[in-house]
C-alpha atoms as a PDB file:
ATOM      1  CA  MET A   1      49.247  67.006  74.301  1.00  0.00           C
ATOM      2  CA  VAL A   2      48.007  68.238  77.680  1.00  0.00           C
ATOM      3  CA  ILE A   3      44.612  66.652  77.050  1.00  0.00           C
ATOM      4  CA  ALA A   4      46.256  63.384  76.039  1.00  0.00           C
ATOM      5  CA  LEU A   5      48.449  63.279  79.155  1.00  0.00           C
ATOM      6  CA  GLY A   6      45.386  64.012  81.266  1.00  0.00           C
ATOM      7  CA  ILE A   7      43.630  61.046  79.713  1.00  0.00           C
ATOM      8  CA  ILE A   8      46.609  58.827  80.458  1.00  0.00           C
ATOM      9  CA  TYR A   9      46.678  60.071  84.019  1.00  0.00           C
ATOM     10  CA  TYR A  10      42.960  59.324  84.377  1.00  0.00           C
ATOM     11  CA  TYR A  11      43.610  55.907  82.892  1.00  0.00           C
ATOM     12  CA  ASP A  12      46.285  55.186  85.468  1.00  0.00           C
ATOM     13  CA  GLN A  13      44.456  56.631  88.481  1.00  0.00           C
ATOM     14  CA  TYR A  14      40.857  55.524  88.157  1.00  0.00           C
ATOM     15  CA  LEU A  15      40.556  52.384  86.137  1.00  0.00           C
ATOM     16  CA  PRO A  16      39.597  49.378  88.317  1.00  0.00           C
ATOM     17  CA  PRO A  17      42.360  47.177  89.635  1.00  0.00           C
ATOM     18  CA  GLY A  18      43.233  44.365  87.339  1.00  0.00           C
ATOM     19  CA  LEU A  19      42.794  46.434  84.173  1.00  0.00           C
ATOM     20  CA  VAL A  20      46.091  48.228  84.668  1.00  0.00           C
ATOM     21  CA  PRO A  21      49.213  47.302  86.641  1.00  0.00           C
ATOM     22  CA  PRO A  22      49.138  48.404  90.258  1.00  0.00           C
ATOM     23  CA  ARG A  23      50.667  51.766  91.023  1.00  0.00           C
ATOM     24  CA  GLU A  24      53.292  50.039  93.121  1.00  0.00           C
ATOM     25  CA  ALA A  25      54.370  48.007  90.093  1.00  0.00           C
ATOM     26  CA  MET A  26      54.759  51.187  88.069  1.00  0.00           C
ATOM     27  CA  THR A  27      57.180  52.940  90.410  1.00  0.00           C
ATOM     28  CA  GLY A  28      60.039  51.309  88.641  1.00  0.00           C
ATOM     29  CA  ASP A  29      59.036  52.451  85.185  1.00  0.00           C
ATOM     30  CA  THR A  30      61.832  52.134  82.706  1.00  0.00           C
ATOM     31  CA  PHE A  31      62.799  54.590  79.986  1.00  0.00           C
ATOM     32  CA  ALA A  32      60.903  52.391  77.547  1.00  0.00           C
ATOM     33  CA  ASP A  33      57.754  52.834  79.645  1.00  0.00           C
ATOM     34  CA  PHE A  34      58.271  56.585  79.501  1.00  0.00           C
ATOM     35  CA  LEU A  35      58.617  56.485  75.733  1.00  0.00           C
ATOM     36  CA  ARG A  36      55.487  54.351  75.502  1.00  0.00           C
ATOM     37  CA  ARG A  37      53.534  56.901  77.501  1.00  0.00           C
ATOM     38  CA  LEU A  38      54.981  59.733  75.461  1.00  0.00           C
ATOM     39  CA  MET A  39      54.026  58.091  72.169  1.00  0.00           C
ATOM     40  CA  ALA A  40      50.543  57.297  73.483  1.00  0.00           C
ATOM     41  CA  GLY A  41      50.131  60.940  74.457  1.00  0.00           C
ATOM     42  CA  PHE A  42      51.366  62.054  71.052  1.00  0.00           C
ATOM     43  CA  TYR A  43      48.911  59.826  69.186  1.00  0.00           C
ATOM     44  CA  LEU A  44      46.022  60.875  71.436  1.00  0.00           C
ATOM     45  CA  SER A  45      46.969  64.520  70.847  1.00  0.00           C
ATOM     46  CA  MET A  46      46.917  63.948  67.095  1.00  0.00           C
ATOM     47  CA  ILE A  47      43.501  62.316  67.295  1.00  0.00           C
ATOM     48  CA  CYS A  48      42.142  65.214  69.370  1.00  0.00           C
ATOM     49  CA  PHE A  49      43.661  67.735  66.960  1.00  0.00           C
ATOM     50  CA  ILE A  50      42.215  65.994  63.908  1.00  0.00           C
ATOM     51  CA  VAL A  51      38.729  65.793  65.455  1.00  0.00           C
ATOM     52  CA  PHE A  52      38.879  69.461  66.469  1.00  0.00           C
ATOM     53  CA  ASP A  53      40.118  70.469  63.033  1.00  0.00           C
ATOM     54  CA  ILE A  54      37.306  68.572  61.287  1.00  0.00           C
ATOM     55  CA  VAL A  55      34.640  70.173  63.504  1.00  0.00           C
ATOM     56  CA  TYR A  56      36.166  73.632  63.122  1.00  0.00           C
ATOM     57  CA  THR A  57      36.532  73.309  59.349  1.00  0.00           C
ATOM     58  CA  ASN A  58      32.949  72.056  59.006  1.00  0.00           C
ATOM     59  CA  ASN A  59      31.662  75.039  60.975  1.00  0.00           C
ATOM     60  CA  ILE A  60      33.659  77.423  58.799  1.00  0.00           C
ATOM     61  CA  LEU A  61      32.304  75.795  55.622  1.00  0.00           C
ATOM     62  CA  GLN A  62      28.716  76.014  56.859  1.00  0.00           C
ATOM     63  CA  LYS A  63      29.188  79.655  57.806  1.00  0.00           C
ATOM     64  CA  THR A  64      30.721  80.414  54.408  1.00  0.00           C
ATOM     65  CA  GLN A  65      27.893  78.672  52.568  1.00  0.00           C
ATOM     66  CA  LEU A  66      25.331  80.613  54.597  1.00  0.00           C
ATOM     67  CA  GLU A  67      27.075  83.895  53.854  1.00  0.00           C
ATOM     68  CA  ASN A  68      27.227  83.039  50.150  1.00  0.00           C
ATOM     69  CA  GLU A  69      23.500  82.249  50.155  1.00  0.00           C
ATOM     70  CA  HIS A  70      22.735  85.567  51.828  1.00  0.00           C
ATOM     71  CA  LEU A  71      24.891  87.364  49.291  1.00  0.00           C
ATOM     72  CA  LYS A  72      23.140  85.557  46.438  1.00  0.00           C
ATOM     73  CA  GLN A  73      19.706  86.504  47.780  1.00  0.00           C
ATOM     74  CA  ALA A  74      20.801  90.105  48.275  1.00  0.00           C
ATOM     75  CA  HIS A  75      22.109  90.178  44.712  1.00  0.00           C
ATOM     76  CA  LEU A  76      18.862  88.782  43.306  1.00  0.00           C
ATOM     77  CA  HIS A  77      16.886  91.270  45.372  1.00  0.00           C
ATOM     78  CA  ALA A  78      19.001  94.098  44.009  1.00  0.00           C
ATOM     79  CA  GLN A  79      18.444  92.845  40.462  1.00  0.00           C
ATOM     80  CA  LEU A  80      14.688  92.743  41.067  1.00  0.00           C
ATOM     81  CA  ILE A  81      14.671  96.296  42.401  1.00  0.00           C
ATOM     82  CA  SER A  82      16.707  97.377  39.413  1.00  0.00           C
ATOM     83  CA  LEU A  83      14.221  95.800  37.006  1.00  0.00           C
ATOM     84  CA  GLN A  84      11.294  97.337  38.832  1.00  0.00           C
ATOM     85  CA  GLN A  85      12.877 100.762  38.682  1.00  0.00           C
ATOM     86  CA  GLN A  86      13.563 100.457  34.987  1.00  0.00           C
ATOM     87  CA  ILE A  87       9.819 100.508  34.280  1.00  0.00           C
ATOM     88  CA  SER A  88       8.204 102.683  36.898  1.00  0.00           C
ATOM     89  CA  PRO A  89       4.418 102.375  37.287  1.00  0.00           C
ATOM     90  CA  HIS A  90       4.222 106.163  37.334  1.00  0.00           C
ATOM     91  CA  PHE A  91       6.100 106.275  34.044  1.00  0.00           C
ATOM     92  CA  LEU A  92       3.626 103.853  32.445  1.00  0.00           C
ATOM     93  CA  PHE A  93       0.609 105.712  33.802  1.00  0.00           C
ATOM     94  CA  ASN A  94       2.010 109.009  32.587  1.00  0.00           C
ATOM     95  CA  SER A  95       2.682 107.462  29.185  1.00  0.00           C
ATOM     96  CA  LEU A  96      -0.881 106.144  28.969  1.00  0.00           C
ATOM     97  CA  SER A  97      -2.228 109.562  29.927  1.00  0.00           C
ATOM     98  CA  THR A  98      -0.088 111.166  27.244  1.00  0.00           C
ATOM     99  CA  LEU A  99      -1.246 108.614  24.678  1.00  0.00           C
ATOM    100  CA  LYS A 100      -4.857 109.315  25.589  1.00  0.00           C
ATOM    101  CA  ASN A 101      -4.331 113.050  25.100  1.00  0.00           C
ATOM    102  CA  ILE A 102      -2.621 112.738  21.719  1.00  0.00           C
ATOM    103  CA  ALA A 103      -4.977 110.075  20.359  1.00  0.00           C
ATOM    104  CA  ALA A 104      -6.974 111.465  17.488  1.00  0.00           C
ATOM    105  CA  ASP A 105     -10.119 109.331  17.737  1.00  0.00           C
ATOM    106  CA  THR A 106     -12.514 108.439  20.533  1.00  0.00           C
ATOM    107  CA  ASP A 107     -12.035 104.667  20.206  1.00  0.00           C
ATOM    108  CA  THR A 108      -8.301 104.944  20.828  1.00  0.00           C
ATOM    109  CA  LYS A 109      -8.848 107.178  23.828  1.00  0.00           C
ATOM    110  CA  LYS A 110     -11.325 104.693  25.297  1.00  0.00           C
ATOM    111  CA  PHE A 111      -8.966 101.783  24.687  1.00  0.00           C
ATOM    112  CA  VAL A 112      -6.174 103.586  26.542  1.00  0.00           C
ATOM    113  CA  VAL A 113      -8.482 104.374  29.468  1.00  0.00           C
ATOM    114  CA  GLN A 114      -9.553 100.732  29.777  1.00  0.00           C
ATOM    115  CA  LEU A 115      -5.943  99.553  29.483  1.00  0.00           C
ATOM    116  CA  ALA A 116      -4.941 101.908  32.306  1.00  0.00           C
ATOM    117  CA  HIS A 117      -7.756 100.502  34.455  1.00  0.00           C
ATOM    118  CA  VAL A 118      -6.564  96.942  33.827  1.00  0.00           C
ATOM    119  CA  TYR A 119      -2.982  97.855  34.579  1.00  0.00           C
ATOM    120  CA  ARG A 120      -3.894  99.651  37.816  1.00  0.00           C
ATOM    121  CA  TYR A 121      -5.884  96.638  39.028  1.00  0.00           C
ATOM    122  CA  LEU A 122      -3.003  94.283  38.244  1.00  0.00           C
ATOM    123  CA  LEU A 123      -0.597  96.476  40.204  1.00  0.00           C
ATOM    124  CA  ASN A 124      -2.871  96.417  43.238  1.00  0.00           C
ATOM    125  CA  TYR A 125      -3.208  92.620  43.045  1.00  0.00           C
ATOM    126  CA  ASN A 126      -0.152  91.956  45.228  1.00  0.00           C
ATOM    127  CA  GLU A 127      -1.390  94.345  47.925  1.00  0.00           C
ATOM    128  CA  HIS A 128      -4.736  92.653  48.563  1.00  0.00           C
ATOM    129  CA  HIS A 129      -5.637  89.021  49.164  1.00  0.00           C
ATOM    130  CA  VAL A 130      -9.366  89.547  48.590  1.00  0.00           C
ATOM    131  CA  THR A 131     -11.504  91.956  46.636  1.00  0.00           C
ATOM    132  CA  SER A 132     -15.189  92.719  46.363  1.00  0.00           C
ATOM    133  CA  LEU A 133     -17.119  91.203  43.483  1.00  0.00           C
ATOM    134  CA  SER A 134     -18.033  94.706  42.313  1.00  0.00           C
ATOM    135  CA  GLU A 135     -14.347  95.660  41.980  1.00  0.00           C
ATOM    136  CA  GLU A 136     -13.535  92.402  40.217  1.00  0.00           C
ATOM    137  CA  LEU A 137     -16.408  92.886  37.759  1.00  0.00           C
ATOM    138  CA  SER A 138     -15.357  96.485  37.111  1.00  0.00           C
ATOM    139  CA  PHE A 139     -11.917  95.199  36.200  1.00  0.00           C
ATOM    140  CA  ILE A 140     -13.454  92.429  34.060  1.00  0.00           C
ATOM    141  CA  HIS A 141     -15.456  94.972  32.034  1.00  0.00           C
ATOM    142  CA  SER A 142     -12.214  96.797  31.177  1.00  0.00           C
ATOM    143  CA  TYR A 143     -10.468  93.506  30.449  1.00  0.00           C
ATOM    144  CA  LEU A 144     -13.300  92.395  28.174  1.00  0.00           C
ATOM    145  CA  TYR A 145     -13.206  95.693  26.303  1.00  0.00           C
ATOM    146  CA  ILE A 146      -9.596  94.967  25.345  1.00  0.00           C
ATOM    147  CA  LEU A 147     -10.400  91.345  24.427  1.00  0.00           C
ATOM    148  CA  HIS A 148     -13.278  92.438  22.212  1.00  0.00           C
ATOM    149  CA  GLN A 149     -10.951  94.687  20.229  1.00  0.00           C
ATOM    150  CA  ARG A 150      -9.021  91.546  19.393  1.00  0.00           C
ATOM    151  CA  PHE A 151     -11.733  88.925  18.953  1.00  0.00           C
ATOM    152  CA  GLU A 152     -14.691  91.156  18.067  1.00  0.00           C
ATOM    153  CA  THR A 153     -17.832  89.050  17.596  1.00  0.00           C
ATOM    154  CA  ALA A 154     -15.940  85.770  18.084  1.00  0.00           C
ATOM    155  CA  LEU A 155     -16.194  86.290  21.846  1.00  0.00           C
ATOM    156  CA  ASP A 156     -19.540  86.730  23.581  1.00  0.00           C
ATOM    157  CA  VAL A 157     -19.569  87.305  27.343  1.00  0.00           C
ATOM    158  CA  ASN A 158     -22.804  87.734  29.261  1.00  0.00           C
ATOM    159  CA  ILE A 159     -22.735  88.890  32.909  1.00  0.00           C
ATOM    160  CA  GLU A 160     -25.844  88.499  35.070  1.00  0.00           C
ATOM    161  CA  VAL A 161     -25.014  89.159  38.709  1.00  0.00           C
ATOM    162  CA  PRO A 162     -27.698  90.586  41.055  1.00  0.00           C
ATOM    163  CA  ASP A 163     -26.655  93.708  42.954  1.00  0.00           C
ATOM    164  CA  ARG A 164     -27.088  92.017  46.347  1.00  0.00           C
ATOM    165  CA  TYR A 165     -23.970  89.921  45.671  1.00  0.00           C
ATOM    166  CA  LEU A 166     -21.670  92.782  44.697  1.00  0.00           C
ATOM    167  CA  ASP A 167     -20.288  93.239  48.225  1.00  0.00           C
ATOM    168  CA  CYS A 168     -19.245  89.590  48.475  1.00  0.00           C
ATOM    169  CA  LEU A 169     -15.555  88.748  48.443  1.00  0.00           C
ATOM    170  CA  ILE A 170     -13.471  86.642  46.065  1.00  0.00           C
ATOM    171  CA  PRO A 171      -9.730  86.316  45.425  1.00  0.00           C
ATOM    172  CA  PRO A 172      -8.660  88.991  42.917  1.00  0.00           C
ATOM    173  CA  LEU A 173      -8.131  87.970  39.283  1.00  0.00           C
ATOM    174  CA  SER A 174     -10.163  84.770  39.739  1.00  0.00           C
ATOM    175  CA  LEU A 175     -12.534  85.716  36.919  1.00  0.00           C
ATOM    176  CA  GLN A 176      -9.713  86.885  34.682  1.00  0.00           C
ATOM    177  CA  LEU A 177      -7.983  83.510  35.028  1.00  0.00           C
ATOM    178  CA  LEU A 178     -11.190  81.661  34.143  1.00  0.00           C
ATOM    179  CA  LEU A 179     -11.835  83.844  31.090  1.00  0.00           C
ATOM    180  CA  GLU A 180      -8.247  83.402  29.952  1.00  0.00           C
ATOM    181  CA  ASN A 181      -8.540  79.641  30.462  1.00  0.00           C
ATOM    182  CA  ALA A 182     -11.700  79.444  28.323  1.00  0.00           C
ATOM    183  CA  ILE A 183     -10.116  81.455  25.501  1.00  0.00           C
ATOM    184  CA  LYS A 184      -6.906  79.426  25.654  1.00  0.00           C
ATOM    185  CA  HIS A 185      -8.560  76.029  25.179  1.00  0.00           C
ATOM    186  CA  ASN A 186     -11.384  76.799  22.752  1.00  0.00           C
ATOM    187  CA  VAL A 187     -11.777  77.867  19.140  1.00  0.00           C
ATOM    188  CA  LEU A 188     -13.121  81.374  18.589  1.00  0.00           C
ATOM    189  CA  SER A 189     -14.633  82.525  15.289  1.00  0.00           C
ATOM    190  CA  PRO A 190     -17.379  84.957  14.213  1.00  0.00           C
ATOM    191  CA  GLU A 191     -19.291  82.009  12.743  1.00  0.00           C
ATOM    192  CA  ALA A 192     -19.090  79.982  15.967  1.00  0.00           C
ATOM    193  CA  PRO A 193     -18.392  82.319  18.867  1.00  0.00           C
ATOM    194  CA  LEU A 194     -17.223  81.306  22.284  1.00  0.00           C
ATOM    195  CA  HIS A 195     -20.031  82.052  24.735  1.00  0.00           C
ATOM    196  CA  ILE A 196     -19.133  82.729  28.358  1.00  0.00           C
ATOM    197  CA  HIS A 197     -21.843  83.271  30.949  1.00  0.00           C
ATOM    198  CA  LEU A 198     -21.285  84.690  34.431  1.00  0.00           C
ATOM    199  CA  SER A 199     -24.166  84.250  36.862  1.00  0.00           C
ATOM    200  CA  VAL A 200     -25.049  83.348  40.458  1.00  0.00           C
ATOM    201  CA  ASN A 201     -26.588  79.901  40.965  1.00  0.00           C
ATOM    202  CA  SER A 202     -29.145  78.753  43.526  1.00  0.00           C
ATOM    203  CA  LYS A 203     -26.353  77.921  46.005  1.00  0.00           C
ATOM    204  CA  GLY A 204     -25.103  81.483  46.009  1.00  0.00           C
ATOM    205  CA  GLU A 205     -22.016  80.593  43.975  1.00  0.00           C
ATOM    206  CA  LEU A 206     -20.622  82.594  41.106  1.00  0.00           C
ATOM    207  CA  GLU A 207     -20.707  80.394  38.018  1.00  0.00           C
ATOM    208  CA  VAL A 208     -18.480  80.915  35.002  1.00  0.00           C
ATOM    209  CA  ALA A 209     -19.653  78.671  32.166  1.00  0.00           C
ATOM    210  CA  ASN A 210     -18.557  78.423  28.551  1.00  0.00           C
ATOM    211  CA  ASN A 211     -19.524  76.244  25.623  1.00  0.00           C
ATOM    212  CA  CYS A 212     -16.871  73.712  24.679  1.00  0.00           C
ATOM    213  CA  ARG A 213     -15.266  74.124  21.281  1.00  0.00           C
ATOM    214  CA  PRO A 214     -11.866  72.439  21.862  1.00  0.00           C
ATOM    215  CA  LYS A 215      -9.011  73.403  19.603  1.00  0.00           C
ATOM    216  CA  LYS A 216      -7.994  70.717  17.110  1.00  0.00           C
ATOM    217  CA  VAL A 217      -4.385  71.256  18.079  1.00  0.00           C
ATOM    218  CA  THR A 218      -4.470  70.512  21.787  1.00  0.00           C
ATOM    219  CA  THR A 219      -3.069  73.334  23.851  1.00  0.00           C
ATOM    220  CA  GLU A 220      -0.791  72.058  26.567  1.00  0.00           C
ATOM    221  CA  SER A 221      -2.418  72.772  29.898  1.00  0.00           C
ATOM    222  CA  THR A 222      -0.423  73.310  33.068  1.00  0.00           C
ATOM    223  CA  GLY A 223      -3.560  73.555  35.190  1.00  0.00           C
ATOM    224  CA  LEU A 224      -1.911  76.357  37.142  1.00  0.00           C
ATOM    225  CA  GLY A 225      -4.793  78.779  36.656  1.00  0.00           C
ATOM    226  CA  LEU A 226      -7.465  76.584  38.231  1.00  0.00           C
ATOM    227  CA  GLN A 227      -5.044  75.274  40.856  1.00  0.00           C
ATOM    228  CA  ASN A 228      -4.165  78.824  41.809  1.00  0.00           C
ATOM    229  CA  ILE A 229      -7.819  79.649  42.407  1.00  0.00           C
ATOM    230  CA  LYS A 230      -8.349  76.404  44.351  1.00  0.00           C
ATOM    231  CA  ASP A 231      -5.343  77.069  46.579  1.00  0.00           C
ATOM    232  CA  ARG A 232      -6.356  80.636  47.355  1.00  0.00           C
ATOM    233  CA  TYR A 233      -9.925  79.668  48.250  1.00  0.00           C
ATOM    234  CA  GLN A 234      -8.577  77.036  50.627  1.00  0.00           C
ATOM    235  CA  LEU A 235      -6.039  79.349  52.225  1.00  0.00           C
ATOM    236  CA  LEU A 236      -8.293  82.390  52.490  1.00  0.00           C
ATOM    237  CA  PHE A 237     -11.719  80.928  53.168  1.00  0.00           C
ATOM    238  CA  ASN A 238     -11.260  77.179  53.712  1.00  0.00           C
ATOM    239  CA  LYS A 239     -13.655  76.666  50.799  1.00  0.00           C
ATOM    240  CA  ASP A 240     -13.546  74.491  47.683  1.00  0.00           C
ATOM    241  CA  ILE A 241     -14.446  75.514  44.166  1.00  0.00           C
ATOM    242  CA  ARG A 242     -16.428  73.146  41.953  1.00  0.00           C
ATOM    243  CA  VAL A 243     -15.557  72.201  38.374  1.00  0.00           C
ATOM    244  CA  ASN A 244     -18.060  70.508  36.053  1.00  0.00           C
ATOM    245  CA  ASN A 245     -16.670  69.476  32.695  1.00  0.00           C
ATOM    246  CA  THR A 246     -19.008  67.965  30.091  1.00  0.00           C
ATOM    247  CA  PRO A 247     -18.681  67.609  26.303  1.00  0.00           C
ATOM    248  CA  GLU A 248     -20.979  70.621  25.904  1.00  0.00           C
ATOM    249  CA  THR A 249     -19.964  73.015  28.686  1.00  0.00           C
ATOM    250  CA  PHE A 250     -17.188  73.767  31.131  1.00  0.00           C
ATOM    251  CA  THR A 251     -18.401  75.314  34.375  1.00  0.00           C
ATOM    252  CA  VAL A 252     -16.513  76.563  37.419  1.00  0.00           C
ATOM    253  CA  SER A 253     -18.460  77.534  40.538  1.00  0.00           C
ATOM    254  CA  LEU A 254     -16.808  79.968  42.950  1.00  0.00           C
ATOM    255  CA  PRO A 255     -18.114  80.437  46.508  1.00  0.00           C
ATOM    256  CA  LEU A 256     -19.081  84.029  47.256  1.00  0.00           C
ATOM    257  CA  ILE A 257     -17.951  85.031  50.736  1.00  0.00           C
ATOM    258  CA  SER A 258     -20.032  87.433  52.780  1.00  0.00           C
ATOM    259  CA  ASN A 259     -18.089  90.578  53.618  1.00  0.00           C
ATOM    260  CA  GLU A 260     -19.422  90.570  57.211  1.00  0.00           C
ATOM    261  CA  ARG A 261     -18.504  86.892  57.699  1.00  0.00           C
ATOM    262  CA  ASN A 262     -14.963  87.476  56.503  1.00  0.00           C
ATOM    263  CA  HIS A 263     -14.392  90.219  59.070  1.00  0.00           C
ATOM    264  CA  ASN A 264     -15.833  88.255  62.008  1.00  0.00           C
END
């Protein structure tokens, strides 16, 4: 009400002559004029109150929504921690060590050792954005050991990488994704094995090539594996990978990044 009366006062005092009656003409205001001013003040007060209430209510709603979002995120984070604690990495490693000790034959012991190596590398994946080619290949040898127990002679992987490239850097799990992609989309059989060849080409790129034996039932491809590698090469090194797909072979070429260059 005070604000409304102030507006009316401003209206009477400062508006240019001609827009309102002269002050002299208003000295003889009647009771009706007083009521008119009172009603105008009341309506202006209501308008001010409504506007203020809308702004205040909107702010409260936004604050409440923000608090609810924070609570939701905190709840999800707590659920994630709970899930992580349910299966402790130390528990799994201890279990693998126990399984290795109680295994009766050498093949089982070796399988458990290679599985532990794979699992350890996967756990470290989130801690490192890049890895040396030697570390990636060491992981791949363990990964291939497990795959060969499943596919036996249906999968043939040949790795020919000169030692001078072993210190080069690549995004971790790049090779694993490419091997998994080749196995996913091709037929494997002892009579017609899937051949995968890892080598370094004349451009200093790591090539992963496989013969094409597409499955008769087309496997739905999300393309996330290759896209993941492409995105990481762009983000980490500002480099592009190359993909060459022919009816006979599927080849992916990965740039090998010099360790010294990456640290400069």
